[in-house]
């Protein structure tokens, strides 16, 4: 029997039209979108289904939109098949989807939390003062050394997303990201790609946003996870409510250890990963980490039907 993990996408996976077909064809999915609209007090479903894209892309909209679509896909999948994952994990924002799937948070609390998380992240660093770049073709050790040297010179920058071998995202002050990118190129990085994002996510500059998020999370209910959640911060499984709370706060300004998380699950015998939610970014990353892993992406009715046919 395959040992499976559910994985959930993060910011950047959104697209206009996501979830519409599920909403129109599946009552469980429609209920999730309806709950999101009610909890947030505006038509999140309208943004998901019709855009406009520039509004959907805003951090405070994209985060609840991706979470909602992911849980709508999850509920549709659960209605069709009985699958029990050994672990769940999510990329940054996707960790909230993972926690909902593991029973540690209600969907309504999670959607309120990520809306607040997005707003706090947007507000913390004025536009243009922070940035992120993808560094391709460089090992994490030398890149971490470069970031440490630039940070010491008064321009904070750090490793933000350790996505897969040779794909690392750095984040921090605009000057720090630019300088670290130049030094990385000089040290042999294949490419440096500045990212079109609204802030320096997963950097120390967002520590104040994490503090605000902690206060918000205290007003919501976080329980024990029924399935181990492999967290971004440590790449290790947690189930305890206090550990989950701490992880969600630290996650805002800490590195996303995605490659390490996948390697941990592989080491525990997971051979099949099911990406649940918009896009297929995580499937691509997992294949780069371990080519032999079985990977599926489910984001709409056609990908669900394809998965069911292949699974049987």
C-alpha atoms as a PDB file:
ATOM      1  CA  UNK A   1       0.000   0.000   0.000  1.00  0.00           C
ATOM      2  CA  UNK A   2       1.178   3.486  -0.825  1.00  0.00           C
ATOM      3  CA  UNK A   3       1.932   5.789   2.092  1.00  0.00           C
ATOM      4  CA  UNK A   4       0.517   9.158   1.112  1.00  0.00           C
ATOM      5  CA  UNK A   5       0.914  12.806   2.120  1.00  0.00           C
ATOM      6  CA  UNK A   6      -1.432  15.679   1.326  1.00  0.00           C
ATOM      7  CA  UNK A   7       0.393  18.899   0.394  1.00  0.00           C
ATOM      8  CA  UNK A   8      -1.187  22.328  -0.040  1.00  0.00           C
ATOM      9  CA  UNK A   9       0.025  25.252  -2.192  1.00  0.00           C
ATOM     10  CA  UNK A  10       1.006  28.727  -1.061  1.00  0.00           C
ATOM     11  CA  UNK A  11       0.863  32.241  -2.451  1.00  0.00           C
ATOM     12  CA  UNK A  12       1.542  32.568  -6.179  1.00  0.00           C
ATOM     13  CA  UNK A  13      -0.670  29.601  -7.097  1.00  0.00           C
ATOM     14  CA  UNK A  14      -3.801  31.744  -7.478  1.00  0.00           C
ATOM     15  CA  UNK A  15      -5.481  32.290 -10.840  1.00  0.00           C
ATOM     16  CA  UNK A  16      -8.771  33.853 -11.903  1.00  0.00           C
ATOM     17  CA  UNK A  17     -11.430  31.165 -12.306  1.00  0.00           C
ATOM     18  CA  UNK A  18     -10.042  28.832  -9.650  1.00  0.00           C
ATOM     19  CA  UNK A  19     -12.706  26.853  -7.825  1.00  0.00           C
ATOM     20  CA  UNK A  20     -15.592  28.016 -10.042  1.00  0.00           C
ATOM     21  CA  UNK A  21     -16.293  24.644 -11.635  1.00  0.00           C
ATOM     22  CA  UNK A  22     -16.154  22.914  -8.243  1.00  0.00           C
ATOM     23  CA  UNK A  23     -18.485  25.527  -6.755  1.00  0.00           C
ATOM     24  CA  UNK A  24     -20.970  25.061  -9.608  1.00  0.00           C
ATOM     25  CA  UNK A  25     -20.903  21.256  -9.557  1.00  0.00           C
ATOM     26  CA  UNK A  26     -20.327  20.237  -5.955  1.00  0.00           C
ATOM     27  CA  UNK A  27     -22.423  21.212  -2.921  1.00  0.00           C
ATOM     28  CA  UNK A  28     -19.571  20.653  -0.448  1.00  0.00           C
ATOM     29  CA  UNK A  29     -17.270  22.973  -2.395  1.00  0.00           C
ATOM     30  CA  UNK A  30     -20.035  25.583  -2.727  1.00  0.00           C
ATOM     31  CA  UNK A  31     -20.549  25.479   1.047  1.00  0.00           C
ATOM     32  CA  UNK A  32     -16.853  26.263   1.622  1.00  0.00           C
ATOM     33  CA  UNK A  33     -16.963  29.327  -0.656  1.00  0.00           C
ATOM     34  CA  UNK A  34     -20.172  30.445   1.036  1.00  0.00           C
ATOM     35  CA  UNK A  35     -18.575  30.096   4.488  1.00  0.00           C
ATOM     36  CA  UNK A  36     -15.584  32.158   3.339  1.00  0.00           C
ATOM     37  CA  UNK A  37     -17.795  34.988   2.051  1.00  0.00           C
ATOM     38  CA  UNK A  38     -19.718  35.015   5.327  1.00  0.00           C
ATOM     39  CA  UNK A  39     -16.628  34.881   7.565  1.00  0.00           C
ATOM     40  CA  UNK A  40     -14.808  37.661   5.686  1.00  0.00           C
ATOM     41  CA  UNK A  41     -17.771  39.914   4.940  1.00  0.00           C
ATOM     42  CA  UNK A  42     -17.027  40.279   1.229  1.00  0.00           C
ATOM     43  CA  UNK A  43     -17.357  38.150  -1.911  1.00  0.00           C
ATOM     44  CA  UNK A  44     -14.121  36.179  -1.900  1.00  0.00           C
ATOM     45  CA  UNK A  45     -15.770  33.688  -4.256  1.00  0.00           C
ATOM     46  CA  UNK A  46     -16.391  36.481  -6.784  1.00  0.00           C
ATOM     47  CA  UNK A  47     -12.690  37.395  -6.675  1.00  0.00           C
ATOM     48  CA  UNK A  48     -11.676  33.744  -7.175  1.00  0.00           C
ATOM     49  CA  UNK A  49     -14.096  33.123 -10.031  1.00  0.00           C
ATOM     50  CA  UNK A  50     -14.030  36.451 -11.878  1.00  0.00           C
ATOM     51  CA  UNK A  51     -11.062  38.498 -10.623  1.00  0.00           C
ATOM     52  CA  UNK A  52      -9.809  41.062 -11.481  1.00  0.00           C
ATOM     53  CA  UNK A  53      -6.389  39.412 -11.365  1.00  0.00           C
ATOM     54  CA  UNK A  54      -4.526  42.389  -9.869  1.00  0.00           C
ATOM     55  CA  UNK A  55      -6.975  42.413  -6.941  1.00  0.00           C
ATOM     56  CA  UNK A  56      -6.809  38.643  -6.485  1.00  0.00           C
ATOM     57  CA  UNK A  57      -2.998  38.865  -6.421  1.00  0.00           C
ATOM     58  CA  UNK A  58      -2.964  41.223  -3.410  1.00  0.00           C
ATOM     59  CA  UNK A  59      -1.569  39.328  -0.421  1.00  0.00           C
ATOM     60  CA  UNK A  60      -4.596  39.953   1.796  1.00  0.00           C
ATOM     61  CA  UNK A  61      -6.897  38.503  -0.920  1.00  0.00           C
ATOM     62  CA  UNK A  62      -4.647  35.815  -2.403  1.00  0.00           C
ATOM     63  CA  UNK A  63      -4.062  34.102   0.945  1.00  0.00           C
ATOM     64  CA  UNK A  64      -7.728  33.484   1.882  1.00  0.00           C
ATOM     65  CA  UNK A  65      -8.553  32.761  -1.788  1.00  0.00           C
ATOM     66  CA  UNK A  66      -5.949  29.980  -2.089  1.00  0.00           C
ATOM     67  CA  UNK A  67      -6.901  28.518   1.299  1.00  0.00           C
ATOM     68  CA  UNK A  68     -10.605  28.511   0.371  1.00  0.00           C
ATOM     69  CA  UNK A  69     -10.044  26.917  -3.034  1.00  0.00           C
ATOM     70  CA  UNK A  70      -7.738  24.298  -1.488  1.00  0.00           C
ATOM     71  CA  UNK A  71     -10.316  23.303   1.129  1.00  0.00           C
ATOM     72  CA  UNK A  72     -13.075  23.258  -1.512  1.00  0.00           C
ATOM     73  CA  UNK A  73     -10.928  20.808  -3.506  1.00  0.00           C
ATOM     74  CA  UNK A  74     -10.238  18.788  -0.338  1.00  0.00           C
ATOM     75  CA  UNK A  75     -13.942  18.519   0.545  1.00  0.00           C
ATOM     76  CA  UNK A  76     -14.776  17.459  -3.011  1.00  0.00           C
ATOM     77  CA  UNK A  77     -12.029  14.816  -2.913  1.00  0.00           C
ATOM     78  CA  UNK A  78     -13.217  13.525   0.472  1.00  0.00           C
ATOM     79  CA  UNK A  79     -16.733  13.224  -0.874  1.00  0.00           C
ATOM     80  CA  UNK A  80     -15.506  10.987  -3.700  1.00  0.00           C
ATOM     81  CA  UNK A  81     -12.717   8.943  -2.081  1.00  0.00           C
ATOM     82  CA  UNK A  82     -11.632   7.699   1.320  1.00  0.00           C
ATOM     83  CA  UNK A  83      -7.927   8.552   1.581  1.00  0.00           C
ATOM     84  CA  UNK A  84      -5.975   8.784   4.831  1.00  0.00           C
ATOM     85  CA  UNK A  85      -2.659  10.624   4.654  1.00  0.00           C
ATOM     86  CA  UNK A  86       0.266   9.665   6.887  1.00  0.00           C
ATOM     87  CA  UNK A  87       1.308  13.343   6.959  1.00  0.00           C
ATOM     88  CA  UNK A  88       0.078  16.719   5.745  1.00  0.00           C
ATOM     89  CA  UNK A  89       2.138  19.796   4.878  1.00  0.00           C
ATOM     90  CA  UNK A  90       1.649  23.156   3.195  1.00  0.00           C
ATOM     91  CA  UNK A  91       3.962  25.700   1.607  1.00  0.00           C
ATOM     92  CA  UNK A  92       3.882  28.844   3.776  1.00  0.00           C
ATOM     93  CA  UNK A  93       0.222  29.928   3.622  1.00  0.00           C
ATOM     94  CA  UNK A  94      -0.585  26.310   2.640  1.00  0.00           C
ATOM     95  CA  UNK A  95       0.244  25.225   6.198  1.00  0.00           C
ATOM     96  CA  UNK A  96      -3.161  26.625   7.227  1.00  0.00           C
ATOM     97  CA  UNK A  97      -4.877  24.401   4.632  1.00  0.00           C
ATOM     98  CA  UNK A  98      -2.889  21.466   6.034  1.00  0.00           C
ATOM     99  CA  UNK A  99      -4.038  22.311   9.571  1.00  0.00           C
ATOM    100  CA  UNK A 100      -7.681  22.441   8.467  1.00  0.00           C
ATOM    101  CA  UNK A 101      -7.289  19.073   6.743  1.00  0.00           C
ATOM    102  CA  UNK A 102      -5.750  17.649   9.952  1.00  0.00           C
ATOM    103  CA  UNK A 103      -8.620  18.917  12.112  1.00  0.00           C
ATOM    104  CA  UNK A 104      -6.455  21.374  14.092  1.00  0.00           C
ATOM    105  CA  UNK A 105      -8.388  24.456  12.892  1.00  0.00           C
ATOM    106  CA  UNK A 106     -11.896  25.012  11.608  1.00  0.00           C
ATOM    107  CA  UNK A 107     -12.074  26.349   8.069  1.00  0.00           C
ATOM    108  CA  UNK A 108     -13.771  29.558   9.269  1.00  0.00           C
ATOM    109  CA  UNK A 109     -11.045  30.284  11.825  1.00  0.00           C
ATOM    110  CA  UNK A 110      -8.344  29.543   9.261  1.00  0.00           C
ATOM    111  CA  UNK A 111      -9.795  31.866   6.619  1.00  0.00           C
ATOM    112  CA  UNK A 112     -10.089  34.696   9.163  1.00  0.00           C
ATOM    113  CA  UNK A 113      -6.504  34.026  10.282  1.00  0.00           C
ATOM    114  CA  UNK A 114      -4.987  34.124   6.795  1.00  0.00           C
ATOM    115  CA  UNK A 115      -6.904  37.268   5.827  1.00  0.00           C
ATOM    116  CA  UNK A 116      -5.409  38.953   8.907  1.00  0.00           C
ATOM    117  CA  UNK A 117      -1.995  37.416   8.158  1.00  0.00           C
ATOM    118  CA  UNK A 118      -2.089  38.853   4.638  1.00  0.00           C
ATOM    119  CA  UNK A 119      -3.077  42.319   5.862  1.00  0.00           C
ATOM    120  CA  UNK A 120      -0.358  42.361   8.538  1.00  0.00           C
ATOM    121  CA  UNK A 121       2.273  41.246   6.015  1.00  0.00           C
ATOM    122  CA  UNK A 122       1.185  43.896   3.507  1.00  0.00           C
ATOM    123  CA  UNK A 123       1.187  46.692   6.090  1.00  0.00           C
ATOM    124  CA  UNK A 124       4.556  45.982   7.697  1.00  0.00           C
ATOM    125  CA  UNK A 125       7.054  46.997   5.017  1.00  0.00           C
ATOM    126  CA  UNK A 126       6.173  49.903   2.689  1.00  0.00           C
ATOM    127  CA  UNK A 127       6.184  49.034  -1.022  1.00  0.00           C
ATOM    128  CA  UNK A 128       9.641  49.199  -2.563  1.00  0.00           C
ATOM    129  CA  UNK A 129      11.547  48.853   0.719  1.00  0.00           C
ATOM    130  CA  UNK A 130      11.643  45.049   0.725  1.00  0.00           C
ATOM    131  CA  UNK A 131      12.032  42.401  -1.926  1.00  0.00           C
ATOM    132  CA  UNK A 132      12.571  38.755  -2.815  1.00  0.00           C
ATOM    133  CA  UNK A 133      14.631  36.997  -5.509  1.00  0.00           C
ATOM    134  CA  UNK A 134      14.852  33.389  -6.645  1.00  0.00           C
ATOM    135  CA  UNK A 135      18.430  32.124  -6.831  1.00  0.00           C
ATOM    136  CA  UNK A 136      18.844  29.184  -9.197  1.00  0.00           C
ATOM    137  CA  UNK A 137      21.774  26.791  -9.295  1.00  0.00           C
ATOM    138  CA  UNK A 138      23.417  27.502  -5.948  1.00  0.00           C
ATOM    139  CA  UNK A 139      23.800  25.454  -2.758  1.00  0.00           C
ATOM    140  CA  UNK A 140      22.233  26.735   0.441  1.00  0.00           C
ATOM    141  CA  UNK A 141      25.497  26.898   2.453  1.00  0.00           C
ATOM    142  CA  UNK A 142      27.383  29.392   0.266  1.00  0.00           C
ATOM    143  CA  UNK A 143      24.185  31.413  -0.300  1.00  0.00           C
ATOM    144  CA  UNK A 144      23.520  31.589   3.453  1.00  0.00           C
ATOM    145  CA  UNK A 145      27.093  32.859   3.932  1.00  0.00           C
ATOM    146  CA  UNK A 146      26.519  35.600   1.343  1.00  0.00           C
ATOM    147  CA  UNK A 147      23.254  36.646   3.028  1.00  0.00           C
ATOM    148  CA  UNK A 148      24.953  36.735   6.447  1.00  0.00           C
ATOM    149  CA  UNK A 149      27.758  38.974   5.118  1.00  0.00           C
ATOM    150  CA  UNK A 150      25.313  41.395   3.448  1.00  0.00           C
ATOM    151  CA  UNK A 151      23.144  41.489   6.589  1.00  0.00           C
ATOM    152  CA  UNK A 152      26.211  42.344   8.687  1.00  0.00           C
ATOM    153  CA  UNK A 153      26.764  45.379   6.470  1.00  0.00           C
ATOM    154  CA  UNK A 154      23.358  46.692   7.579  1.00  0.00           C
ATOM    155  CA  UNK A 155      21.198  45.421   4.710  1.00  0.00           C
ATOM    156  CA  UNK A 156      19.131  42.519   6.115  1.00  0.00           C
ATOM    157  CA  UNK A 157      18.597  39.555   3.778  1.00  0.00           C
ATOM    158  CA  UNK A 158      18.105  35.839   4.453  1.00  0.00           C
ATOM    159  CA  UNK A 159      17.137  32.505   2.924  1.00  0.00           C
ATOM    160  CA  UNK A 160      13.328  32.553   2.731  1.00  0.00           C
ATOM    161  CA  UNK A 161      12.213  29.482   0.770  1.00  0.00           C
ATOM    162  CA  UNK A 162      14.361  26.363   0.404  1.00  0.00           C
ATOM    163  CA  UNK A 163      12.136  24.902  -2.286  1.00  0.00           C
ATOM    164  CA  UNK A 164      14.157  22.206  -4.048  1.00  0.00           C
ATOM    165  CA  UNK A 165      17.785  21.472  -4.946  1.00  0.00           C
ATOM    166  CA  UNK A 166      19.133  24.542  -6.725  1.00  0.00           C
ATOM    167  CA  UNK A 167      16.034  26.682  -6.118  1.00  0.00           C
ATOM    168  CA  UNK A 168      16.221  29.002  -3.133  1.00  0.00           C
ATOM    169  CA  UNK A 169      14.406  32.302  -2.578  1.00  0.00           C
ATOM    170  CA  UNK A 170      16.067  35.103  -0.609  1.00  0.00           C
ATOM    171  CA  UNK A 171      14.143  37.877   1.142  1.00  0.00           C
ATOM    172  CA  UNK A 172      14.809  41.103   3.019  1.00  0.00           C
ATOM    173  CA  UNK A 173      15.565  44.766   2.407  1.00  0.00           C
ATOM    174  CA  UNK A 174      15.535  45.815  -1.256  1.00  0.00           C
ATOM    175  CA  UNK A 175      19.240  46.746  -1.136  1.00  0.00           C
ATOM    176  CA  UNK A 176      20.158  43.536   0.667  1.00  0.00           C
ATOM    177  CA  UNK A 177      18.326  41.317  -1.826  1.00  0.00           C
ATOM    178  CA  UNK A 178      19.910  43.135  -4.788  1.00  0.00           C
ATOM    179  CA  UNK A 179      23.432  42.953  -3.342  1.00  0.00           C
ATOM    180  CA  UNK A 180      23.119  39.296  -2.287  1.00  0.00           C
ATOM    181  CA  UNK A 181      21.813  38.461  -5.771  1.00  0.00           C
ATOM    182  CA  UNK A 182      24.803  40.119  -7.419  1.00  0.00           C
ATOM    183  CA  UNK A 183      27.252  38.319  -5.111  1.00  0.00           C
ATOM    184  CA  UNK A 184      25.458  35.005  -5.745  1.00  0.00           C
ATOM    185  CA  UNK A 185      25.889  35.475  -9.492  1.00  0.00           C
ATOM    186  CA  UNK A 186      29.564  36.241  -9.039  1.00  0.00           C
ATOM    187  CA  UNK A 187      29.855  33.079  -6.917  1.00  0.00           C
ATOM    188  CA  UNK A 188      28.386  30.909  -9.681  1.00  0.00           C
ATOM    189  CA  UNK A 189      24.581  31.039  -9.376  1.00  0.00           C
ATOM    190  CA  UNK A 190      22.992  30.263 -12.754  1.00  0.00           C
ATOM    191  CA  UNK A 191      20.185  32.814 -12.539  1.00  0.00           C
ATOM    192  CA  UNK A 192      18.853  35.489 -10.210  1.00  0.00           C
ATOM    193  CA  UNK A 193      15.170  36.277 -10.731  1.00  0.00           C
ATOM    194  CA  UNK A 194      13.611  39.222  -8.819  1.00  0.00           C
ATOM    195  CA  UNK A 195      10.078  38.223  -7.737  1.00  0.00           C
ATOM    196  CA  UNK A 196       6.998  40.382  -8.202  1.00  0.00           C
ATOM    197  CA  UNK A 197       5.800  40.297  -4.584  1.00  0.00           C
ATOM    198  CA  UNK A 198       4.361  42.925  -2.264  1.00  0.00           C
ATOM    199  CA  UNK A 199       6.815  42.378   0.588  1.00  0.00           C
ATOM    200  CA  UNK A 200       9.869  40.584   1.999  1.00  0.00           C
ATOM    201  CA  UNK A 201       8.047  37.442   3.108  1.00  0.00           C
ATOM    202  CA  UNK A 202       9.765  35.038   5.507  1.00  0.00           C
ATOM    203  CA  UNK A 203      12.359  37.604   6.557  1.00  0.00           C
ATOM    204  CA  UNK A 204      13.169  39.241   9.906  1.00  0.00           C
ATOM    205  CA  UNK A 205      11.559  42.454   8.605  1.00  0.00           C
ATOM    206  CA  UNK A 206       8.171  40.787   9.153  1.00  0.00           C
ATOM    207  CA  UNK A 207       8.712  40.041  12.860  1.00  0.00           C
ATOM    208  CA  UNK A 208       6.260  42.849  13.847  1.00  0.00           C
ATOM    209  CA  UNK A 209       3.609  41.255  11.571  1.00  0.00           C
ATOM    210  CA  UNK A 210       4.197  37.946  13.374  1.00  0.00           C
ATOM    211  CA  UNK A 211       3.577  39.639  16.729  1.00  0.00           C
ATOM    212  CA  UNK A 212       0.262  41.038  15.451  1.00  0.00           C
ATOM    213  CA  UNK A 213      -0.675  37.626  14.050  1.00  0.00           C
ATOM    214  CA  UNK A 214       0.015  36.029  17.454  1.00  0.00           C
ATOM    215  CA  UNK A 215      -2.585  38.331  19.042  1.00  0.00           C
ATOM    216  CA  UNK A 216      -5.110  37.470  16.320  1.00  0.00           C
ATOM    217  CA  UNK A 217      -4.495  33.717  16.652  1.00  0.00           C
ATOM    218  CA  UNK A 218      -5.190  33.943  20.405  1.00  0.00           C
ATOM    219  CA  UNK A 219      -8.789  34.933  19.540  1.00  0.00           C
ATOM    220  CA  UNK A 220      -9.243  31.797  17.376  1.00  0.00           C
ATOM    221  CA  UNK A 221      -9.351  28.112  18.216  1.00  0.00           C
ATOM    222  CA  UNK A 222      -6.340  25.886  17.539  1.00  0.00           C
ATOM    223  CA  UNK A 223      -6.600  22.253  18.572  1.00  0.00           C
ATOM    224  CA  UNK A 224      -4.645  19.028  18.378  1.00  0.00           C
ATOM    225  CA  UNK A 225      -3.939  17.759  14.844  1.00  0.00           C
ATOM    226  CA  UNK A 226      -5.367  14.319  14.045  1.00  0.00           C
ATOM    227  CA  UNK A 227      -2.675  13.802  11.366  1.00  0.00           C
ATOM    228  CA  UNK A 228       0.960  14.905  11.914  1.00  0.00           C
ATOM    229  CA  UNK A 229       1.651  18.275  10.261  1.00  0.00           C
ATOM    230  CA  UNK A 230       5.187  18.661   8.907  1.00  0.00           C
ATOM    231  CA  UNK A 231       5.887  22.331   9.527  1.00  0.00           C
ATOM    232  CA  UNK A 232       7.799  24.844   7.433  1.00  0.00           C
ATOM    233  CA  UNK A 233       9.821  26.127  10.386  1.00  0.00           C
ATOM    234  CA  UNK A 234      11.397  22.821  11.509  1.00  0.00           C
ATOM    235  CA  UNK A 235      10.579  20.322   8.701  1.00  0.00           C
ATOM    236  CA  UNK A 236       9.390  17.999  11.480  1.00  0.00           C
ATOM    237  CA  UNK A 237       5.909  16.733  12.412  1.00  0.00           C
ATOM    238  CA  UNK A 238       3.863  18.399  15.135  1.00  0.00           C
ATOM    239  CA  UNK A 239       0.384  17.666  16.510  1.00  0.00           C
ATOM    240  CA  UNK A 240       0.170  19.616  19.775  1.00  0.00           C
ATOM    241  CA  UNK A 241      -1.926  22.817  19.772  1.00  0.00           C
ATOM    242  CA  UNK A 242       0.765  24.915  21.506  1.00  0.00           C
ATOM    243  CA  UNK A 243       3.412  23.769  19.026  1.00  0.00           C
ATOM    244  CA  UNK A 244       1.082  24.625  16.146  1.00  0.00           C
ATOM    245  CA  UNK A 245       0.448  28.136  17.520  1.00  0.00           C
ATOM    246  CA  UNK A 246       4.198  28.770  17.937  1.00  0.00           C
ATOM    247  CA  UNK A 247       4.949  27.431  14.466  1.00  0.00           C
ATOM    248  CA  UNK A 248       2.370  29.684  12.775  1.00  0.00           C
ATOM    249  CA  UNK A 249       3.830  32.768  14.449  1.00  0.00           C
ATOM    250  CA  UNK A 250       7.487  31.897  13.733  1.00  0.00           C
ATOM    251  CA  UNK A 251       6.635  30.925  10.157  1.00  0.00           C
ATOM    252  CA  UNK A 252       5.985  34.575   9.182  1.00  0.00           C
ATOM    253  CA  UNK A 253       9.661  35.559   9.586  1.00  0.00           C
ATOM    254  CA  UNK A 254      11.384  32.153   9.273  1.00  0.00           C
ATOM    255  CA  UNK A 255      12.627  30.149   6.292  1.00  0.00           C
ATOM    256  CA  UNK A 256      10.207  27.763   4.569  1.00  0.00           C
ATOM    257  CA  UNK A 257      12.082  24.439   4.749  1.00  0.00           C
ATOM    258  CA  UNK A 258      10.119  22.836   1.927  1.00  0.00           C
ATOM    259  CA  UNK A 259      12.830  20.578   0.518  1.00  0.00           C
ATOM    260  CA  UNK A 260      13.643  19.377   4.049  1.00  0.00           C
ATOM    261  CA  UNK A 261       9.950  18.733   4.766  1.00  0.00           C
ATOM    262  CA  UNK A 262       9.573  16.561   1.657  1.00  0.00           C
ATOM    263  CA  UNK A 263      12.792  14.697   2.480  1.00  0.00           C
ATOM    264  CA  UNK A 264      11.520  14.038   6.004  1.00  0.00           C
ATOM    265  CA  UNK A 265       8.271  12.528   4.692  1.00  0.00           C
ATOM    266  CA  UNK A 266      10.198  10.431   2.156  1.00  0.00           C
ATOM    267  CA  UNK A 267      12.397   9.157   5.015  1.00  0.00           C
ATOM    268  CA  UNK A 268       9.220   8.045   6.811  1.00  0.00           C
ATOM    269  CA  UNK A 269       8.122   5.916   3.865  1.00  0.00           C
ATOM    270  CA  UNK A 270       5.857   8.358   2.018  1.00  0.00           C
ATOM    271  CA  UNK A 271       5.994   7.509  -1.679  1.00  0.00           C
ATOM    272  CA  UNK A 272       2.919   9.392  -2.950  1.00  0.00           C
ATOM    273  CA  UNK A 273       2.189  13.114  -2.659  1.00  0.00           C
ATOM    274  CA  UNK A 274      -1.209  14.576  -3.514  1.00  0.00           C
ATOM    275  CA  UNK A 275      -1.177  18.336  -4.132  1.00  0.00           C
ATOM    276  CA  UNK A 276      -4.598  19.728  -3.221  1.00  0.00           C
ATOM    277  CA  UNK A 277      -5.481  23.242  -4.401  1.00  0.00           C
ATOM    278  CA  UNK A 278      -4.825  25.633  -7.277  1.00  0.00           C
ATOM    279  CA  UNK A 279      -1.856  25.112  -9.586  1.00  0.00           C
ATOM    280  CA  UNK A 280       0.812  22.413  -9.631  1.00  0.00           C
ATOM    281  CA  UNK A 281       3.888  24.247  -8.319  1.00  0.00           C
ATOM    282  CA  UNK A 282       4.458  21.805  -5.458  1.00  0.00           C
ATOM    283  CA  UNK A 283       4.263  18.788  -7.761  1.00  0.00           C
ATOM    284  CA  UNK A 284       7.118  20.225  -9.804  1.00  0.00           C
ATOM    285  CA  UNK A 285       9.220  20.930  -6.710  1.00  0.00           C
ATOM    286  CA  UNK A 286       8.654  17.429  -5.298  1.00  0.00           C
ATOM    287  CA  UNK A 287       9.744  15.835  -8.585  1.00  0.00           C
ATOM    288  CA  UNK A 288      12.954  17.876  -8.424  1.00  0.00           C
ATOM    289  CA  UNK A 289      13.560  16.640  -4.878  1.00  0.00           C
ATOM    290  CA  UNK A 290      12.783  12.962  -5.589  1.00  0.00           C
ATOM    291  CA  UNK A 291      12.142  11.865  -9.153  1.00  0.00           C
ATOM    292  CA  UNK A 292      10.782   8.450  -8.136  1.00  0.00           C
ATOM    293  CA  UNK A 293       7.992   9.889  -5.953  1.00  0.00           C
ATOM    294  CA  UNK A 294       4.441   9.549  -7.263  1.00  0.00           C
ATOM    295  CA  UNK A 295       2.909  13.014  -7.460  1.00  0.00           C
ATOM    296  CA  UNK A 296      -0.654  14.085  -8.291  1.00  0.00           C
ATOM    297  CA  UNK A 297      -2.200  17.574  -8.478  1.00  0.00           C
ATOM    298  CA  UNK A 298      -5.935  17.985  -7.919  1.00  0.00           C
ATOM    299  CA  UNK A 299      -7.438  21.424  -8.519  1.00  0.00           C
ATOM    300  CA  UNK A 300     -10.717  20.899 -10.432  1.00  0.00           C
ATOM    301  CA  UNK A 301     -13.149  18.200 -11.589  1.00  0.00           C
ATOM    302  CA  UNK A 302     -11.041  17.039 -14.534  1.00  0.00           C
ATOM    303  CA  UNK A 303      -7.879  16.563 -12.438  1.00  0.00           C
ATOM    304  CA  UNK A 304      -9.961  14.812  -9.773  1.00  0.00           C
ATOM    305  CA  UNK A 305     -11.446  12.412 -12.346  1.00  0.00           C
ATOM    306  CA  UNK A 306      -7.975  11.770 -13.781  1.00  0.00           C
ATOM    307  CA  UNK A 307      -6.630  11.047 -10.297  1.00  0.00           C
ATOM    308  CA  UNK A 308      -9.482   8.648  -9.521  1.00  0.00           C
ATOM    309  CA  UNK A 309      -8.908   6.764 -12.763  1.00  0.00           C
ATOM    310  CA  UNK A 310      -5.178   6.429 -12.122  1.00  0.00           C
ATOM    311  CA  UNK A 311      -5.580   5.612  -8.408  1.00  0.00           C
ATOM    312  CA  UNK A 312      -7.911   2.669  -9.036  1.00  0.00           C
END
